[in-house]
N, C-alpha and C. Protein backbone atom coordinates (compact mmCIF):
# COMPACT_ATOMS: atom_id res chain seq x y z
N MET A 1 39.77 30.74 78.70
CA MET A 1 38.78 30.97 77.74
C MET A 1 38.84 30.10 76.54
N ASP A 2 37.79 29.73 75.97
CA ASP A 2 37.80 28.87 74.78
C ASP A 2 38.09 29.64 73.54
N GLN A 3 38.98 29.18 72.72
CA GLN A 3 39.34 29.97 71.45
C GLN A 3 38.16 30.09 70.53
N ALA A 4 37.22 29.11 70.50
CA ALA A 4 36.12 29.21 69.57
C ALA A 4 35.20 30.27 69.88
N ASN A 5 35.11 30.64 71.22
CA ASN A 5 34.17 31.72 71.55
C ASN A 5 34.63 33.13 71.16
N GLN A 6 35.96 33.20 70.95
CA GLN A 6 36.52 34.49 70.59
C GLN A 6 36.57 34.72 69.08
N SER A 7 36.28 33.72 68.33
CA SER A 7 36.27 33.86 66.84
C SER A 7 35.17 34.80 66.35
N ILE A 8 35.53 35.57 65.34
CA ILE A 8 34.49 36.50 64.81
C ILE A 8 33.48 35.69 64.00
N LEU A 9 33.86 34.51 63.62
CA LEU A 9 32.88 33.72 62.83
C LEU A 9 31.88 33.01 63.69
N SER A 10 32.06 32.99 64.99
CA SER A 10 31.20 32.36 65.93
C SER A 10 29.94 33.25 66.25
N LYS A 11 29.98 34.46 65.77
CA LYS A 11 28.87 35.42 66.10
C LYS A 11 28.10 35.72 64.79
N ALA A 12 26.81 35.74 64.90
CA ALA A 12 25.97 36.03 63.74
C ALA A 12 25.58 37.55 63.84
N TYR A 13 26.42 38.32 63.22
CA TYR A 13 26.19 39.74 63.23
C TYR A 13 24.93 40.06 62.37
N SER A 14 24.13 41.01 62.82
CA SER A 14 22.84 41.23 62.13
C SER A 14 23.15 41.79 60.73
N PRO A 15 22.36 41.37 59.71
CA PRO A 15 22.55 41.81 58.37
C PRO A 15 22.42 43.34 58.24
N PRO A 16 21.51 44.06 58.95
CA PRO A 16 21.46 45.50 58.79
C PRO A 16 22.81 46.14 59.28
N LEU A 17 23.41 45.62 60.29
CA LEU A 17 24.71 46.19 60.76
C LEU A 17 25.76 45.87 59.70
N GLN A 18 25.78 44.71 59.16
CA GLN A 18 26.73 44.40 58.08
C GLN A 18 26.53 45.33 56.86
N GLY A 19 25.30 45.53 56.43
CA GLY A 19 24.96 46.31 55.36
C GLY A 19 25.36 47.82 55.54
N ALA A 20 25.10 48.30 56.80
CA ALA A 20 25.46 49.69 57.05
C ALA A 20 26.96 49.87 57.01
N LEU A 21 27.74 48.94 57.55
CA LEU A 21 29.22 49.08 57.58
C LEU A 21 29.71 48.99 56.17
N ILE A 22 29.16 48.07 55.31
CA ILE A 22 29.62 47.91 53.99
C ILE A 22 29.30 49.22 53.16
N PHE A 23 28.08 49.72 53.31
CA PHE A 23 27.73 50.88 52.57
C PHE A 23 28.58 52.09 53.01
N GLY A 24 28.86 52.15 54.27
CA GLY A 24 29.68 53.29 54.77
C GLY A 24 31.09 53.22 54.18
N ALA A 25 31.58 52.00 54.19
CA ALA A 25 32.94 51.85 53.57
C ALA A 25 33.00 52.10 52.11
N SER A 26 31.95 51.60 51.41
CA SER A 26 31.85 51.90 49.99
C SER A 26 31.75 53.31 49.64
N LEU A 27 30.92 53.99 50.40
CA LEU A 27 30.71 55.47 50.17
C LEU A 27 31.98 56.24 50.47
N LEU A 28 32.68 55.79 51.52
CA LEU A 28 33.95 56.49 51.88
C LEU A 28 35.00 56.34 50.76
N VAL A 29 35.08 55.07 50.19
CA VAL A 29 36.03 54.87 49.13
C VAL A 29 35.67 55.66 47.82
N MET A 30 34.38 55.74 47.58
CA MET A 30 33.90 56.54 46.41
C MET A 30 34.16 58.04 46.64
N ILE A 31 33.90 58.52 47.82
CA ILE A 31 34.20 59.93 48.06
C ILE A 31 35.69 60.23 48.03
N LEU A 32 36.53 59.37 48.63
CA LEU A 32 37.93 59.53 48.56
C LEU A 32 38.47 59.49 47.13
N SER A 33 37.88 58.69 46.27
CA SER A 33 38.33 58.59 44.96
C SER A 33 37.99 59.91 44.20
N LYS A 34 36.89 60.59 44.51
CA LYS A 34 36.57 61.89 43.94
C LYS A 34 37.47 62.96 44.49
N ILE A 35 37.80 62.96 45.76
CA ILE A 35 38.67 63.95 46.33
C ILE A 35 40.14 63.80 45.80
N PHE A 36 40.65 62.61 45.72
CA PHE A 36 42.00 62.44 45.26
C PHE A 36 42.05 61.99 43.81
N GLY A 37 40.98 62.28 43.03
CA GLY A 37 40.93 61.93 41.65
C GLY A 37 41.95 62.71 40.80
N GLY A 38 42.37 63.88 41.22
CA GLY A 38 43.38 64.61 40.56
C GLY A 38 44.85 64.10 40.73
N ILE A 39 44.96 63.53 41.88
CA ILE A 39 46.28 62.99 42.26
C ILE A 39 46.46 61.57 41.71
N ILE A 40 45.51 60.81 41.97
CA ILE A 40 45.51 59.39 41.44
C ILE A 40 44.63 59.25 40.23
N ASP A 41 45.13 58.65 39.25
CA ASP A 41 44.33 58.51 38.03
C ASP A 41 43.34 57.33 38.19
N VAL A 42 42.05 57.74 38.45
CA VAL A 42 41.01 56.73 38.54
C VAL A 42 40.03 56.94 37.39
N GLY A 43 39.47 55.90 36.81
CA GLY A 43 38.56 56.06 35.74
C GLY A 43 37.20 56.61 36.21
N ALA A 44 36.37 57.02 35.26
CA ALA A 44 35.08 57.52 35.57
C ALA A 44 34.20 56.47 36.11
N ASP A 45 34.51 55.22 35.74
CA ASP A 45 33.62 54.09 36.22
C ASP A 45 34.10 53.50 37.49
N PHE A 46 35.09 54.14 38.23
CA PHE A 46 35.64 53.61 39.45
C PHE A 46 34.53 53.45 40.53
N CYS A 47 33.55 54.39 40.58
CA CYS A 47 32.55 54.32 41.57
C CYS A 47 31.66 53.08 41.37
N TRP A 48 31.38 52.73 40.11
CA TRP A 48 30.61 51.48 39.85
C TRP A 48 31.42 50.26 40.25
N LEU A 49 32.75 50.29 39.97
CA LEU A 49 33.54 49.16 40.32
C LEU A 49 33.65 49.01 41.86
N THR A 50 33.69 50.12 42.59
CA THR A 50 33.66 50.11 44.03
C THR A 50 32.36 49.60 44.58
N ALA A 51 31.31 50.04 44.02
CA ALA A 51 29.99 49.61 44.49
C ALA A 51 29.80 48.05 44.36
N LEU A 52 30.25 47.53 43.19
CA LEU A 52 30.14 46.07 42.92
C LEU A 52 31.13 45.33 43.84
N ALA A 53 32.32 45.83 44.05
CA ALA A 53 33.31 45.16 44.93
C ALA A 53 32.76 45.06 46.35
N PHE A 54 32.17 46.07 46.86
CA PHE A 54 31.63 46.03 48.24
C PHE A 54 30.37 45.18 48.31
N LEU A 55 29.55 45.13 47.22
CA LEU A 55 28.40 44.26 47.24
C LEU A 55 28.86 42.77 47.32
N LEU A 56 29.95 42.47 46.54
CA LEU A 56 30.51 41.15 46.59
C LEU A 56 31.10 40.77 47.97
N PHE A 57 31.71 41.77 48.52
CA PHE A 57 32.23 41.58 49.91
C PHE A 57 31.14 41.28 50.91
N TYR A 58 29.98 42.04 50.78
CA TYR A 58 28.83 41.77 51.63
C TYR A 58 28.29 40.34 51.38
N ALA A 59 28.22 39.99 50.09
CA ALA A 59 27.65 38.69 49.74
C ALA A 59 28.49 37.54 50.43
N VAL A 60 29.82 37.57 50.31
CA VAL A 60 30.64 36.54 50.90
C VAL A 60 30.59 36.61 52.39
N GLY A 61 30.76 37.78 52.95
CA GLY A 61 30.78 37.91 54.46
C GLY A 61 29.43 37.49 55.08
N ASN A 62 28.35 37.96 54.50
CA ASN A 62 27.04 37.64 54.96
C ASN A 62 26.77 36.17 54.89
N SER A 63 27.23 35.50 53.84
CA SER A 63 26.98 34.08 53.68
C SER A 63 27.73 33.30 54.79
N VAL A 64 28.93 33.73 55.08
CA VAL A 64 29.77 33.03 56.13
C VAL A 64 29.15 33.26 57.49
N PHE A 65 28.68 34.50 57.81
CA PHE A 65 28.07 34.71 59.11
C PHE A 65 26.71 33.96 59.20
N CYS A 66 26.16 33.57 58.07
CA CYS A 66 24.88 32.84 58.10
C CYS A 66 25.05 31.49 58.87
N LEU A 67 26.22 30.95 58.87
CA LEU A 67 26.50 29.66 59.47
C LEU A 67 26.27 29.68 60.96
N SER A 68 26.46 30.87 61.64
CA SER A 68 26.31 30.93 63.07
C SER A 68 24.99 31.53 63.49
N ALA A 69 24.07 31.67 62.55
CA ALA A 69 22.69 32.22 62.87
C ALA A 69 21.85 31.20 63.58
N LYS A 70 21.13 31.60 64.59
CA LYS A 70 20.24 30.68 65.33
C LYS A 70 19.07 30.33 64.48
N ASP A 71 18.36 31.29 63.97
CA ASP A 71 17.20 31.09 63.16
C ASP A 71 17.50 31.54 61.69
N ILE A 72 17.81 30.47 60.87
CA ILE A 72 18.29 30.74 59.55
C ILE A 72 17.23 31.40 58.65
N ASN A 73 16.02 31.16 58.85
CA ASN A 73 14.91 31.72 58.05
C ASN A 73 14.79 33.18 58.25
N LYS A 74 14.86 33.64 59.51
CA LYS A 74 14.85 35.08 59.81
C LYS A 74 16.13 35.85 59.24
N TYR A 75 17.26 35.13 59.36
CA TYR A 75 18.51 35.57 58.89
C TYR A 75 18.47 35.82 57.32
N TRP A 76 17.91 34.85 56.65
CA TRP A 76 17.83 34.84 55.21
C TRP A 76 16.98 36.08 54.75
N ILE A 77 15.81 36.15 55.38
CA ILE A 77 14.88 37.24 54.94
C ILE A 77 15.54 38.58 55.23
N SER A 78 16.12 38.76 56.39
CA SER A 78 16.81 40.03 56.68
C SER A 78 17.98 40.25 55.76
N SER A 79 18.76 39.21 55.43
CA SER A 79 19.92 39.35 54.62
C SER A 79 19.52 39.78 53.16
N MET A 80 18.49 39.15 52.65
CA MET A 80 18.08 39.48 51.31
C MET A 80 17.46 40.92 51.20
N LEU A 81 16.74 41.30 52.22
CA LEU A 81 16.23 42.68 52.20
C LEU A 81 17.29 43.69 52.31
N VAL A 82 18.30 43.48 53.15
CA VAL A 82 19.46 44.34 53.28
C VAL A 82 20.25 44.34 51.93
N PHE A 83 20.43 43.25 51.36
CA PHE A 83 21.17 43.18 50.07
C PHE A 83 20.51 43.94 48.96
N ALA A 84 19.20 43.83 48.92
CA ALA A 84 18.40 44.64 47.95
C ALA A 84 18.58 46.13 48.24
N GLY A 85 18.44 46.49 49.49
CA GLY A 85 18.65 47.95 49.86
C GLY A 85 20.08 48.41 49.60
N LEU A 86 21.02 47.54 49.90
CA LEU A 86 22.44 47.90 49.66
C LEU A 86 22.76 48.01 48.18
N THR A 87 22.09 47.19 47.39
CA THR A 87 22.29 47.26 45.90
C THR A 87 21.71 48.64 45.42
N ILE A 88 20.62 49.04 45.89
CA ILE A 88 19.93 50.25 45.43
C ILE A 88 20.74 51.48 45.94
N LEU A 89 21.07 51.42 47.20
CA LEU A 89 21.89 52.56 47.75
C LEU A 89 23.20 52.67 47.05
N SER A 90 23.93 51.58 46.86
CA SER A 90 25.27 51.65 46.30
C SER A 90 25.19 52.13 44.82
N GLY A 91 24.15 51.63 44.13
CA GLY A 91 23.94 52.01 42.73
C GLY A 91 23.64 53.49 42.61
N THR A 92 22.84 54.01 43.52
CA THR A 92 22.47 55.44 43.57
C THR A 92 23.70 56.25 43.87
N ALA A 93 24.47 55.85 44.85
CA ALA A 93 25.73 56.62 45.21
C ALA A 93 26.72 56.58 44.07
N ALA A 94 26.86 55.44 43.42
CA ALA A 94 27.77 55.40 42.26
C ALA A 94 27.28 56.24 41.15
N TYR A 95 26.07 56.28 40.89
CA TYR A 95 25.47 57.10 39.83
C TYR A 95 25.66 58.61 40.18
N ALA A 96 25.41 58.93 41.41
CA ALA A 96 25.53 60.36 41.81
C ALA A 96 27.02 60.84 41.79
N LEU A 97 27.87 59.99 42.20
CA LEU A 97 29.26 60.42 42.28
C LEU A 97 30.02 60.29 40.97
N SER A 98 29.62 59.35 40.09
CA SER A 98 30.32 59.22 38.86
C SER A 98 29.67 60.01 37.75
N GLY A 99 28.42 60.28 37.83
CA GLY A 99 27.67 61.06 36.84
C GLY A 99 27.36 60.24 35.61
N MET A 100 27.47 58.90 35.68
CA MET A 100 27.15 58.08 34.54
C MET A 100 26.28 56.90 34.96
N SER A 101 25.46 56.47 34.13
CA SER A 101 24.58 55.40 34.41
C SER A 101 25.41 54.06 34.31
N MET A 102 24.76 52.98 34.80
CA MET A 102 25.45 51.69 34.78
C MET A 102 25.71 51.22 33.30
N GLU A 103 24.78 51.53 32.42
CA GLU A 103 24.94 51.15 31.00
C GLU A 103 26.07 51.94 30.36
N ALA A 104 26.21 53.20 30.71
CA ALA A 104 27.27 54.04 30.20
C ALA A 104 28.66 53.70 30.77
N ALA A 105 28.67 53.00 31.91
CA ALA A 105 29.93 52.70 32.48
C ALA A 105 30.58 51.47 31.87
N GLY A 106 29.89 50.75 31.00
CA GLY A 106 30.47 49.63 30.38
C GLY A 106 29.72 48.32 30.76
N GLY A 107 30.42 47.34 31.06
CA GLY A 107 29.88 45.98 31.27
C GLY A 107 29.40 45.79 32.75
N TYR A 108 29.23 46.87 33.47
CA TYR A 108 28.83 46.75 34.90
C TYR A 108 27.47 46.18 35.15
N LYS A 109 26.60 46.36 34.09
CA LYS A 109 25.25 45.78 34.21
C LYS A 109 25.35 44.23 34.39
N TRP A 110 26.19 43.66 33.52
CA TRP A 110 26.33 42.19 33.61
C TRP A 110 27.06 41.76 34.90
N LEU A 111 27.98 42.56 35.28
CA LEU A 111 28.68 42.25 36.58
C LEU A 111 27.70 42.32 37.73
N MET A 112 26.80 43.25 37.66
CA MET A 112 25.76 43.38 38.75
C MET A 112 24.87 42.07 38.73
N ILE A 113 24.50 41.61 37.59
CA ILE A 113 23.74 40.36 37.50
C ILE A 113 24.45 39.20 38.08
N VAL A 114 25.77 39.12 37.74
CA VAL A 114 26.62 38.03 38.28
C VAL A 114 26.70 38.09 39.78
N VAL A 115 26.90 39.30 40.37
CA VAL A 115 27.04 39.42 41.77
C VAL A 115 25.72 39.08 42.46
N VAL A 116 24.60 39.43 41.93
CA VAL A 116 23.28 39.21 42.52
C VAL A 116 23.04 37.68 42.55
N PHE A 117 23.21 37.03 41.40
CA PHE A 117 23.08 35.55 41.35
C PHE A 117 24.11 34.85 42.16
N GLY A 118 25.38 35.35 42.19
CA GLY A 118 26.37 34.77 43.02
C GLY A 118 25.96 34.85 44.49
N TYR A 119 25.41 35.96 44.92
CA TYR A 119 24.92 36.09 46.32
C TYR A 119 23.88 35.04 46.69
N LEU A 120 22.91 34.91 45.74
CA LEU A 120 21.87 33.86 45.97
C LEU A 120 22.48 32.46 46.02
N VAL A 121 23.47 32.17 45.20
CA VAL A 121 24.10 30.87 45.23
C VAL A 121 24.86 30.73 46.54
N PHE A 122 25.62 31.68 46.90
CA PHE A 122 26.37 31.60 48.20
C PHE A 122 25.44 31.36 49.35
N LEU A 123 24.38 32.12 49.44
CA LEU A 123 23.44 31.97 50.57
C LEU A 123 22.75 30.55 50.55
N SER A 124 22.43 30.04 49.37
CA SER A 124 21.78 28.77 49.20
C SER A 124 22.80 27.66 49.66
N ILE A 125 24.02 27.78 49.25
CA ILE A 125 24.98 26.70 49.58
C ILE A 125 25.22 26.72 51.11
N ILE A 126 25.39 27.84 51.68
CA ILE A 126 25.67 27.92 53.08
C ILE A 126 24.44 27.47 53.92
N GLY A 127 23.20 27.85 53.42
CA GLY A 127 21.99 27.41 54.13
C GLY A 127 21.86 25.85 54.03
N PHE A 128 22.22 25.28 52.88
CA PHE A 128 22.13 23.83 52.76
C PHE A 128 23.17 23.21 53.66
N MET A 129 24.31 23.76 53.76
CA MET A 129 25.33 23.18 54.62
C MET A 129 24.88 23.26 56.11
N LYS A 130 24.32 24.34 56.50
CA LYS A 130 23.85 24.52 57.84
C LYS A 130 22.79 23.51 58.19
N ARG A 131 21.87 23.24 57.29
CA ARG A 131 20.82 22.28 57.49
C ARG A 131 21.39 20.86 57.64
N ILE A 132 22.37 20.56 56.87
CA ILE A 132 23.01 19.23 56.98
C ILE A 132 23.72 19.10 58.30
N VAL A 133 24.45 20.15 58.75
CA VAL A 133 25.16 20.07 59.98
C VAL A 133 24.11 19.96 61.17
N ASP A 134 23.04 20.76 61.11
CA ASP A 134 22.03 20.64 62.15
C ASP A 134 21.42 19.29 62.24
N TYR A 135 21.17 18.66 61.08
CA TYR A 135 20.56 17.33 61.01
C TYR A 135 21.63 16.30 61.59
N ALA A 136 22.90 16.45 61.29
CA ALA A 136 23.89 15.52 61.75
C ALA A 136 24.11 15.71 63.30
N GLU A 137 23.92 16.88 63.77
CA GLU A 137 24.06 17.07 65.17
C GLU A 137 22.89 16.49 65.99
N ALA A 138 21.75 16.50 65.40
CA ALA A 138 20.53 16.00 66.06
C ALA A 138 20.48 14.48 65.98
N GLU A 139 21.14 13.93 65.08
CA GLU A 139 21.15 12.43 64.87
C GLU A 139 21.90 11.79 66.04
N ASP A 140 21.36 10.67 66.51
CA ASP A 140 22.01 9.91 67.57
C ASP A 140 23.00 8.95 66.89
N TRP A 141 24.21 9.20 66.96
CA TRP A 141 25.28 8.40 66.22
C TRP A 141 25.57 7.07 66.90
N GLN A 142 25.10 6.91 68.17
CA GLN A 142 25.35 5.66 68.82
C GLN A 142 24.42 4.56 68.44
N ALA A 143 23.17 5.01 68.12
CA ALA A 143 22.17 4.08 67.60
C ALA A 143 21.39 4.65 66.42
N PRO A 144 21.99 4.57 65.26
CA PRO A 144 21.31 5.10 64.13
C PRO A 144 19.95 4.46 63.84
N LYS A 145 19.11 5.27 63.18
CA LYS A 145 17.80 4.74 62.86
C LYS A 145 17.85 3.54 61.94
N LYS A 146 17.18 2.49 62.21
CA LYS A 146 17.15 1.34 61.32
C LYS A 146 16.12 1.49 60.26
N ARG A 147 16.42 1.13 59.14
CA ARG A 147 15.46 1.27 57.98
C ARG A 147 14.77 -0.14 57.79
N ARG A 148 13.48 0.00 57.40
CA ARG A 148 12.78 -1.19 56.99
C ARG A 148 13.14 -1.66 55.61
N ARG A 149 13.24 -2.91 55.41
CA ARG A 149 13.63 -3.44 54.14
C ARG A 149 12.48 -4.05 53.44
């Protein structure tokens, strides 16, 4: 068997699956922090921190899996819609479990803006890299195109 076929990075997992797994893990950590809050000293803003950490994890992971997508345009649209939904769901869960708004939690509003723009930058860079690689693979390197002077 070829080692490249067994790599997790060679598969383009669907963004809804990625989003569901990330949200589930985020919600689990938030709930566990509430259950064990008396044993472990976690701040009231821990749920917001968890939501942002898992959003960043989705942003990086989704951008990497974008490299192996067959149709990058469909993948982008699906990824961005899932990211928007994940942001809303994670924010709602953090608000419900912490009992405080994002503004009351401190500087998390600005961190959310940074994570959202960072995701857009990650996705743009990876998409640009994929287009360059696709162009290079399609180019006939034995006889490059001659330019008119």
